Amino acid sequence: MAKHSRRGNNEGSIYQREDGLWVAQITLGINEETGKPKRKSIYGKSRAEVAQKLNFMIGNTNNYGVINETKDSLKTKMTRWLLDFKMAEVTSRTFEGCMRNAKLHIFPHIGDLPYTKVSTEICQRLLAKTLYIEKKLGLATVKKVQFLLNQFYDYLLIQKEIKDNPVRNTKISPNERDKLKKKEYKAIRPEHRNLFFKAINKHKVWKPLCLTILFSSPRIGEILALKWRNIELVNPDLYGIKIENSATVKVNFDENGNVLSREQIIGVTKSAASERENPLPDIVVDALREYKKMRQLEQAITGYSYVGDDDFVFGNDEGALRSYSGTRTMFDRFLKRNKLDKLNIHFHTLRHTFSNMLFEANENPKVIQSLLGHKDVKTTMIYNSVDKKQTQSARVILNKFASEME
């Protein structure tokens, strides 16, 4: 018969079996399949030995009910996967974001757990409770963490190191803050567009640059990389812009994935679909012609080359590639000077406005998708915002159909 002994504080259940061996048990969460507690037994030759082991285990059991271990931890395994596999398939900037999300939002919470012991329950608690509710991270950030973890465990599944992906069935329900954010009007509102046009019309750089984005949709990286040979301003039948490159930042890492340096480079576009030739409306052609004449005059004064075929259309004062961060800072100052800084306008807002103007004119979504350089028309549809005037116009259409039924 088992011989029980009075338990000390935090010792759990300790007893002696008939064979003289001492035993203790500790609860390690809930079994997802049965709903019953998961327990681990600890053995020793004396009560003191078992109590010592039990106290050590209690002190090293985390909030997720799993004993912390350093061997084969999620942090160790996932870091290797990031460096050996993820780095090879994405751009350096994307990889930097992956490493940042892992180091900030995954490793501090579950990084010490054995990667084979991470359950759906643990992942669900990390994403929905720890990150979204307690840390109050935005839904987009939590979704990126979820996506990264899911990719990692899909890799382990392919390698047959695990039987199931614990991330696959996790759910995150948007809170009221993110529901409202999703409904925000992403383009420049129709009532604010004239204010913006008047402001840029006074500026030698923002006028051609912003009009080109507003009416031809290049991303900011694409327009910074734009060269004069990519623009047709002579033949009216061919007025257009050819987008084939993008300015980006190349990030250099050490062997542990830490950032060593960053450098601005000309790279490929975001995707194959992003390489495109878009038409230029007359308002953009006129603005670019006027801007090119001004740059020719500046070139004669400074001695720098501004308007050659291989010169950047929107290069800096020395004709070199402008940095994204510097351009954005200058644009923010411009908006503030013109009292437009409260209208939620940024460079990507201009692309949303381009899409919305065509959407308001009932253009085919597939045409808008092609002009924006999106791989999927679903992305294009997300770009578009609807205001009350558009929803009211639906009433007129529905009344027309109703009258035909009478």
Protein backbone atom coordinates (compact mmCIF):
# COMPACT_ATOMS: atom_id res chain seq x y z
CA MET A 1 0.00 0.00 0.00
CA ALA A 2 1.26 3.49 -0.87
CA LYS A 3 2.44 5.46 2.10
CA HIS A 4 1.42 9.15 1.99
CA SER A 5 3.27 11.86 3.82
CA ARG A 6 2.13 15.35 4.71
CA ARG A 7 3.04 17.75 1.86
CA GLY A 8 5.19 20.80 2.28
CA ASN A 9 4.27 24.14 0.75
CA ASN A 10 4.01 24.00 -3.09
CA GLU A 11 5.17 20.36 -3.11
CA GLY A 12 2.06 18.87 -4.70
CA SER A 13 1.35 15.18 -4.08
CA ILE A 14 4.31 13.19 -2.67
CA TYR A 15 3.96 9.59 -1.50
CA GLN A 16 5.97 6.39 -1.09
CA ARG A 17 5.14 3.26 -3.02
CA GLU A 18 5.22 -0.28 -1.59
CA ASP A 19 8.59 -0.89 -3.26
CA GLY A 20 10.05 2.05 -1.26
CA LEU A 21 10.31 4.45 -4.21
CA TRP A 22 9.07 7.98 -3.57
CA VAL A 23 6.73 9.62 -6.18
CA ALA A 24 5.37 13.11 -6.84
CA GLN A 25 3.05 14.49 -9.52
CA ILE A 26 2.75 17.88 -11.19
CA THR A 27 -0.02 19.11 -13.51
CA LEU A 28 1.13 20.43 -16.89
CA GLY A 29 -1.97 21.94 -18.48
CA ILE A 30 -4.94 20.23 -20.11
CA ASN A 31 -4.98 17.42 -22.68
CA GLU A 32 -6.65 18.94 -25.76
CA GLU A 33 -8.19 15.63 -26.91
CA THR A 34 -9.64 14.42 -23.60
CA GLY A 35 -10.02 17.68 -21.71
CA LYS A 36 -8.37 16.08 -18.69
CA PRO A 37 -5.35 17.41 -16.79
CA LYS A 38 -1.90 16.37 -18.07
CA ARG A 39 0.29 15.16 -15.21
CA LYS A 40 3.95 14.21 -14.94
CA SER A 41 5.34 11.85 -12.30
CA ILE A 42 8.68 12.39 -10.57
CA TYR A 43 10.58 9.58 -8.85
CA GLY A 44 13.33 9.44 -6.23
CA LYS A 45 14.86 7.25 -3.55
CA SER A 46 13.91 9.66 -0.75
CA ARG A 47 11.18 12.12 -0.03
CA ALA A 48 13.72 14.96 0.05
CA GLU A 49 15.05 14.04 -3.39
CA VAL A 50 11.55 14.04 -4.91
CA ALA A 51 10.64 17.31 -3.19
CA GLN A 52 13.78 18.93 -4.60
CA LYS A 53 12.99 17.71 -8.13
CA LEU A 54 9.39 18.83 -7.78
CA ASN A 55 10.32 22.31 -6.60
CA PHE A 56 12.77 22.67 -9.47
CA MET A 57 10.10 21.65 -11.95
CA ILE A 58 7.53 24.02 -10.44
CA GLY A 59 10.03 26.86 -10.70
CA ASN A 60 10.72 26.01 -14.34
CA THR A 61 7.15 25.51 -15.52
CA ASN A 62 5.86 28.50 -17.46
CA ASN A 63 2.41 30.02 -17.70
CA TYR A 64 1.54 27.69 -20.55
CA GLY A 65 1.89 24.59 -18.35
CA VAL A 66 5.03 23.33 -20.09
CA ILE A 67 8.43 22.79 -18.51
CA ASN A 68 11.03 25.19 -19.88
CA GLU A 69 13.93 23.48 -21.62
CA THR A 70 16.86 24.86 -23.56
CA LYS A 71 17.59 21.76 -25.64
CA ASP A 72 15.60 21.77 -28.92
CA SER A 73 13.69 24.85 -27.82
CA LEU A 74 11.37 26.64 -30.21
CA LYS A 75 13.72 29.64 -30.20
CA THR A 76 16.73 27.55 -31.22
CA LYS A 77 14.87 25.55 -33.88
CA MET A 78 12.97 28.50 -35.34
CA THR A 79 16.08 30.70 -35.49
CA ARG A 80 17.84 28.05 -37.55
CA TRP A 81 14.84 27.77 -39.87
CA LEU A 82 14.73 31.55 -40.30
CA LEU A 83 18.43 31.77 -41.14
CA ASP A 84 18.66 28.66 -43.31
CA PHE A 85 15.34 28.73 -45.16
CA LYS A 86 13.30 31.92 -44.70
CA MET A 87 16.21 34.24 -45.49
CA ALA A 88 16.70 32.51 -48.84
CA GLU A 89 13.12 32.99 -50.05
CA VAL A 90 12.31 36.61 -49.18
CA THR A 91 13.86 40.05 -49.59
CA SER A 92 16.21 41.32 -46.90
CA ARG A 93 13.62 43.84 -45.69
CA THR A 94 10.96 41.14 -45.36
CA PHE A 95 13.42 38.90 -43.53
CA GLU A 96 14.22 41.75 -41.15
CA GLY A 97 10.51 41.97 -40.34
CA CYS A 98 10.32 38.20 -39.78
CA MET A 99 13.26 38.27 -37.37
CA ARG A 100 11.81 41.27 -35.56
CA ASN A 101 8.43 39.57 -35.06
CA ALA A 102 10.10 36.39 -33.83
CA LYS A 103 12.38 38.20 -31.37
CA LEU A 104 9.73 40.59 -30.05
CA HIS A 105 6.53 38.58 -30.11
CA ILE A 106 7.36 34.86 -30.14
CA PHE A 107 10.63 34.09 -28.35
CA PRO A 108 9.99 36.12 -25.15
CA HIS A 109 6.73 34.21 -24.55
CA ILE A 110 7.17 30.64 -25.83
CA GLY A 111 10.75 30.57 -27.13
CA ASP A 112 12.05 28.38 -24.26
CA LEU A 113 9.45 25.66 -24.82
CA PRO A 114 10.43 22.47 -26.64
CA TYR A 115 9.19 23.07 -30.19
CA THR A 116 7.53 19.64 -30.21
CA LYS A 117 5.51 20.50 -27.10
CA VAL A 118 3.86 23.66 -28.45
CA SER A 119 0.14 22.93 -28.74
CA THR A 120 -2.78 24.65 -30.44
CA GLU A 121 -3.88 25.82 -26.99
CA ILE A 122 -0.49 27.48 -26.39
CA CYS A 123 -0.48 29.16 -29.82
CA GLN A 124 -4.05 30.34 -29.40
CA ARG A 125 -3.27 31.84 -26.01
CA LEU A 126 -0.13 33.55 -27.35
CA LEU A 127 -1.86 35.12 -30.34
CA ALA A 128 -5.34 35.97 -29.08
CA LYS A 129 -4.69 36.65 -25.40
CA THR A 130 -1.04 37.58 -24.83
CA LEU A 131 -0.36 39.58 -28.00
CA TYR A 132 -3.77 40.86 -29.07
CA ILE A 133 -5.53 41.49 -25.77
CA GLU A 134 -2.75 42.00 -23.21
CA LYS A 135 -0.02 43.55 -25.37
CA LYS A 136 -2.64 45.37 -27.49
CA LEU A 137 -0.78 44.77 -30.74
CA GLY A 138 -2.62 45.63 -33.96
CA LEU A 139 -4.46 42.83 -35.73
CA ALA A 140 -2.14 43.10 -38.75
CA THR A 141 0.93 42.48 -36.56
CA VAL A 142 -0.67 39.52 -34.78
CA LYS A 143 -1.66 38.05 -38.15
CA LYS A 144 1.97 38.33 -39.30
CA VAL A 145 3.12 36.47 -36.18
CA GLN A 146 0.48 33.81 -36.80
CA PHE A 147 1.57 33.47 -40.44
CA LEU A 148 5.25 33.15 -39.48
CA LEU A 149 4.57 30.50 -36.83
CA ASN A 150 2.33 28.62 -39.25
CA GLN A 151 5.07 28.57 -41.91
CA PHE A 152 7.58 27.28 -39.38
CA TYR A 153 5.35 24.43 -38.23
CA ASP A 154 4.38 23.57 -41.82
CA TYR A 155 8.11 23.14 -42.46
CA LEU A 156 8.40 20.80 -39.44
CA LEU A 157 5.38 18.88 -40.71
CA ILE A 158 7.01 18.38 -44.13
CA GLN A 159 10.19 17.25 -42.37
CA LYS A 160 8.03 14.76 -40.39
CA GLU A 161 9.33 16.14 -37.10
CA ILE A 162 5.76 16.69 -35.88
CA LYS A 163 2.41 15.04 -36.64
CA ASP A 164 0.19 18.14 -36.66
CA ASN A 165 0.62 21.90 -37.15
CA PRO A 166 -0.56 23.51 -33.88
CA VAL A 167 -1.01 26.93 -35.49
CA ARG A 168 -3.34 25.92 -38.30
CA ASN A 169 -6.58 26.05 -36.30
CA THR A 170 -5.86 29.19 -34.26
CA LYS A 171 -8.39 32.01 -34.51
CA ILE A 172 -8.19 35.76 -33.86
CA SER A 173 -11.45 37.73 -33.77
CA PRO A 174 -11.03 41.46 -34.56
CA ASN A 175 -11.84 43.79 -31.68
CA GLU A 176 -13.87 46.98 -32.11
CA ARG A 177 -10.72 49.05 -32.67
CA ASP A 178 -9.66 46.98 -35.65
CA LYS A 179 -13.20 46.66 -37.02
CA LEU A 180 -13.38 50.45 -37.18
CA LYS A 181 -9.88 50.67 -38.68
CA LYS A 182 -10.88 48.25 -41.43
CA LYS A 183 -13.78 50.55 -42.36
CA GLU A 184 -11.61 53.66 -42.58
CA TYR A 185 -11.70 55.54 -45.89
CA LYS A 186 -8.28 54.79 -47.37
CA ALA A 187 -8.27 57.25 -50.29
CA ILE A 188 -8.28 61.04 -50.25
CA ARG A 189 -11.93 61.90 -49.69
CA PRO A 190 -13.67 63.56 -52.68
CA GLU A 191 -14.27 66.75 -50.65
CA HIS A 192 -10.53 67.03 -49.88
CA ARG A 193 -9.13 66.32 -53.35
CA ASN A 194 -9.30 69.91 -54.61
CA LEU A 195 -7.47 71.10 -51.49
CA PHE A 196 -4.68 68.64 -52.19
CA PHE A 197 -4.51 69.53 -55.91
CA LYS A 198 -4.23 73.23 -55.12
CA ALA A 199 -1.42 72.60 -52.63
CA ILE A 200 0.73 70.42 -54.92
CA ASN A 201 0.14 72.76 -57.87
CA LYS A 202 2.36 75.33 -56.14
CA HIS A 203 5.32 72.96 -55.64
CA LYS A 204 7.92 72.15 -58.31
CA VAL A 205 8.53 68.54 -57.18
CA TRP A 206 5.33 67.43 -55.46
CA LYS A 207 3.16 68.47 -58.39
CA PRO A 208 4.70 66.08 -61.00
CA LEU A 209 5.50 63.37 -58.45
CA CYS A 210 2.07 63.25 -56.79
CA LEU A 211 0.16 63.63 -60.06
CA THR A 212 2.11 60.70 -61.52
CA ILE A 213 1.11 58.49 -58.59
CA LEU A 214 -2.47 59.78 -58.52
CA PHE A 215 -3.06 59.17 -62.21
CA SER A 216 -0.69 56.29 -63.04
CA SER A 217 -0.32 54.42 -59.72
CA PRO A 218 3.42 53.68 -59.24
CA ARG A 219 4.39 52.79 -55.67
CA ILE A 220 6.74 55.26 -54.00
CA GLY A 221 9.71 52.90 -54.48
CA GLU A 222 8.80 52.53 -58.16
CA ILE A 223 8.54 56.26 -58.79
CA LEU A 224 11.85 56.97 -57.02
CA ALA A 225 13.53 54.40 -59.31
CA LEU A 226 11.87 55.84 -62.41
CA LYS A 227 14.24 57.06 -65.16
CA TRP A 228 13.46 59.36 -68.10
CA ARG A 229 13.80 56.47 -70.56
CA ASN A 230 10.80 54.90 -68.82
CA ILE A 231 8.48 57.78 -69.78
CA GLU A 232 6.96 58.59 -73.20
CA LEU A 233 6.12 62.29 -73.49
CA VAL A 234 6.45 62.79 -77.28
CA ASN A 235 4.01 60.51 -79.12
CA PRO A 236 0.40 61.22 -78.04
CA ASP A 237 -0.65 57.68 -78.96
CA LEU A 238 1.98 56.24 -76.62
CA TYR A 239 1.90 58.63 -73.65
CA GLY A 240 2.79 56.31 -70.81
CA ILE A 241 5.08 55.12 -68.06
CA LYS A 242 7.02 51.85 -67.91
CA ILE A 243 7.52 50.46 -64.42
CA GLU A 244 10.30 47.88 -64.26
CA ASN A 245 12.32 48.64 -61.10
CA SER A 246 11.86 49.81 -57.55
CA ALA A 247 14.02 51.58 -54.99
CA THR A 248 14.43 49.46 -51.91
CA VAL A 249 16.66 48.96 -48.90
CA LYS A 250 19.06 46.04 -48.75
CA VAL A 251 19.68 44.88 -45.19
CA ASN A 252 22.89 43.05 -44.29
CA PHE A 253 22.87 40.57 -41.38
CA ASP A 254 25.40 38.73 -39.26
CA GLU A 255 25.31 34.94 -38.80
CA ASN A 256 22.70 35.28 -36.03
CA GLY A 257 20.30 37.43 -38.03
CA ASN A 258 21.24 40.72 -36.37
CA VAL A 259 21.25 43.79 -38.64
CA LEU A 260 24.74 44.96 -39.58
CA SER A 261 23.90 47.71 -42.09
CA ARG A 262 21.35 49.04 -44.58
CA GLU A 263 21.89 50.43 -48.04
CA GLN A 264 19.57 51.99 -50.63
CA ILE A 265 19.57 50.09 -53.94
CA ILE A 266 17.59 49.72 -57.16
CA GLY A 267 15.93 46.32 -57.18
CA VAL A 268 13.16 44.46 -58.94
CA THR A 269 9.51 45.36 -58.51
CA LYS A 270 7.41 43.87 -55.72
CA SER A 271 6.24 40.99 -57.94
CA ALA A 272 6.17 39.96 -61.61
CA ALA A 273 2.70 41.53 -61.88
CA SER A 274 4.19 44.86 -60.76
CA GLU A 275 6.16 45.20 -64.01
CA ARG A 276 3.72 47.11 -66.19
CA GLU A 277 3.18 49.89 -68.72
CA ASN A 278 0.48 52.38 -67.71
CA PRO A 279 -1.00 55.22 -69.77
CA LEU A 280 -0.41 58.83 -68.71
CA PRO A 281 -3.35 61.28 -68.76
CA ASP A 282 -2.73 64.72 -70.25
CA ILE A 283 -2.54 66.38 -66.81
CA VAL A 284 0.49 64.20 -65.94
CA VAL A 285 2.15 64.63 -69.35
CA ASP A 286 1.90 68.41 -69.01
CA ALA A 287 3.26 68.37 -65.44
CA LEU A 288 6.21 66.14 -66.38
CA ARG A 289 7.09 68.27 -69.43
CA GLU A 290 7.08 71.41 -67.29
CA TYR A 291 9.19 69.66 -64.65
CA LYS A 292 11.69 68.39 -67.23
CA LYS A 293 12.23 71.91 -68.62
CA MET A 294 12.88 73.16 -65.09
CA ARG A 295 15.40 70.35 -64.51
CA GLN A 296 17.17 71.22 -67.77
CA LEU A 297 17.67 74.78 -66.53
CA GLU A 298 18.93 73.52 -63.16
CA GLN A 299 21.29 71.12 -64.95
CA ALA A 300 22.89 74.02 -66.86
CA ILE A 301 23.48 75.85 -63.58
CA THR A 302 24.68 73.02 -61.31
CA GLY A 303 26.53 70.86 -63.82
CA TYR A 304 24.82 67.72 -62.54
CA SER A 305 22.99 65.48 -65.00
CA TYR A 306 19.23 65.53 -64.45
CA VAL A 307 17.44 64.78 -67.73
CA GLY A 308 19.48 62.08 -69.49
CA ASP A 309 17.77 58.82 -70.42
CA ASP A 310 19.36 57.04 -67.44
CA ASP A 311 18.87 59.90 -64.96
CA PHE A 312 16.32 59.51 -62.19
CA VAL A 313 13.19 61.54 -62.92
CA PHE A 314 12.85 62.53 -59.28
CA GLY A 315 16.51 62.42 -58.26
CA ASN A 316 17.91 64.67 -55.53
CA ASP A 317 19.87 67.91 -56.02
CA GLU A 318 22.86 65.91 -57.23
CA GLY A 319 20.76 63.72 -59.53
CA ALA A 320 21.19 60.68 -57.28
CA LEU A 321 18.52 58.31 -56.00
CA ARG A 322 16.34 59.83 -53.28
CA SER A 323 15.84 57.78 -50.13
CA TYR A 324 12.32 56.74 -49.20
CA SER A 325 12.64 57.96 -45.63
CA GLY A 326 13.97 61.36 -46.71
CA THR A 327 11.24 61.77 -49.33
CA ARG A 328 8.54 60.85 -46.83
CA THR A 329 9.91 63.34 -44.27
CA MET A 330 9.86 66.13 -46.87
CA PHE A 331 6.32 65.20 -47.91
CA ASP A 332 5.10 65.23 -44.29
CA ARG A 333 6.55 68.74 -43.86
CA PHE A 334 4.83 69.85 -47.06
CA LEU A 335 1.47 68.56 -45.80
CA LYS A 336 1.92 70.31 -42.46
CA ARG A 337 2.83 73.64 -44.09
CA ASN A 338 -0.35 73.43 -46.18
CA LYS A 339 -2.52 72.32 -43.24
CA LEU A 340 -3.23 68.94 -44.82
CA ASP A 341 -1.55 66.85 -42.13
CA LYS A 342 -4.87 65.98 -40.44
CA LEU A 343 -6.35 64.40 -43.58
CA ASN A 344 -4.50 61.08 -43.28
CA ILE A 345 -2.62 61.53 -46.56
CA HIS A 346 0.56 59.58 -47.30
CA PHE A 347 2.11 58.19 -50.47
CA HIS A 348 0.06 55.00 -50.40
CA THR A 349 -3.10 57.10 -49.99
CA LEU A 350 -2.40 58.41 -53.50
CA ARG A 351 -2.49 54.86 -54.91
CA HIS A 352 -5.73 54.20 -53.05
CA THR A 353 -7.12 57.41 -54.57
CA PHE A 354 -6.09 56.32 -58.07
CA SER A 355 -7.95 53.06 -57.55
CA ASN A 356 -10.97 54.76 -56.00
CA MET A 357 -11.34 57.30 -58.83
CA LEU A 358 -11.53 54.46 -61.36
CA PHE A 359 -13.78 52.46 -59.05
CA GLU A 360 -16.15 55.45 -58.73
CA ALA A 361 -16.25 55.63 -62.54
CA ASN A 362 -17.31 51.93 -62.65
CA GLU A 363 -14.08 50.76 -64.30
CA ASN A 364 -13.60 46.99 -64.55
CA PRO A 365 -11.80 45.76 -61.38
CA LYS A 366 -9.50 43.60 -63.53
CA VAL A 367 -8.33 46.72 -65.38
CA ILE A 368 -7.67 48.51 -62.08
CA GLN A 369 -5.78 45.41 -60.85
CA SER A 370 -3.52 45.49 -63.91
CA LEU A 371 -2.80 49.22 -63.57
CA LEU A 372 -1.99 48.88 -59.87
CA GLY A 373 0.28 45.88 -60.49
CA HIS A 374 -1.56 43.57 -58.09
CA LYS A 375 -1.19 39.80 -58.33
CA ASP A 376 -4.75 39.23 -57.09
CA VAL A 377 -7.90 41.21 -57.79
CA LYS A 378 -8.91 40.61 -54.14
CA THR A 379 -6.13 43.00 -53.10
CA THR A 380 -7.51 45.58 -55.53
CA MET A 381 -10.99 45.32 -54.06
CA ILE A 382 -9.60 45.87 -50.55
CA TYR A 383 -8.02 49.10 -51.83
CA ASN A 384 -11.37 50.64 -52.63
CA SER A 385 -13.43 52.60 -50.10
CA VAL A 386 -17.12 53.44 -50.36
CA ASP A 387 -18.66 56.70 -49.15
CA LYS A 388 -22.29 57.61 -48.45
CA LYS A 389 -22.83 59.18 -51.90
CA GLN A 390 -21.98 55.87 -53.55
CA THR A 391 -24.27 53.88 -51.28
CA GLN A 392 -27.06 56.40 -51.94
CA SER A 393 -26.56 55.97 -55.70
CA ALA A 394 -27.36 52.28 -55.17
CA ARG A 395 -30.82 53.37 -53.97
CA VAL A 396 -31.50 55.03 -57.34
CA ILE A 397 -30.49 51.87 -59.18
CA LEU A 398 -32.64 49.66 -56.93
CA ASN A 399 -35.63 51.98 -57.35
CA LYS A 400 -35.23 51.68 -61.12
CA PHE A 401 -35.29 47.87 -60.94
CA ALA A 402 -38.28 47.98 -58.58
CA SER A 403 -40.25 50.24 -60.92
CA GLU A 404 -39.70 47.77 -63.76
CA MET A 405 -41.22 45.01 -61.66
CA GLU A 406 -44.48 46.87 -61.03
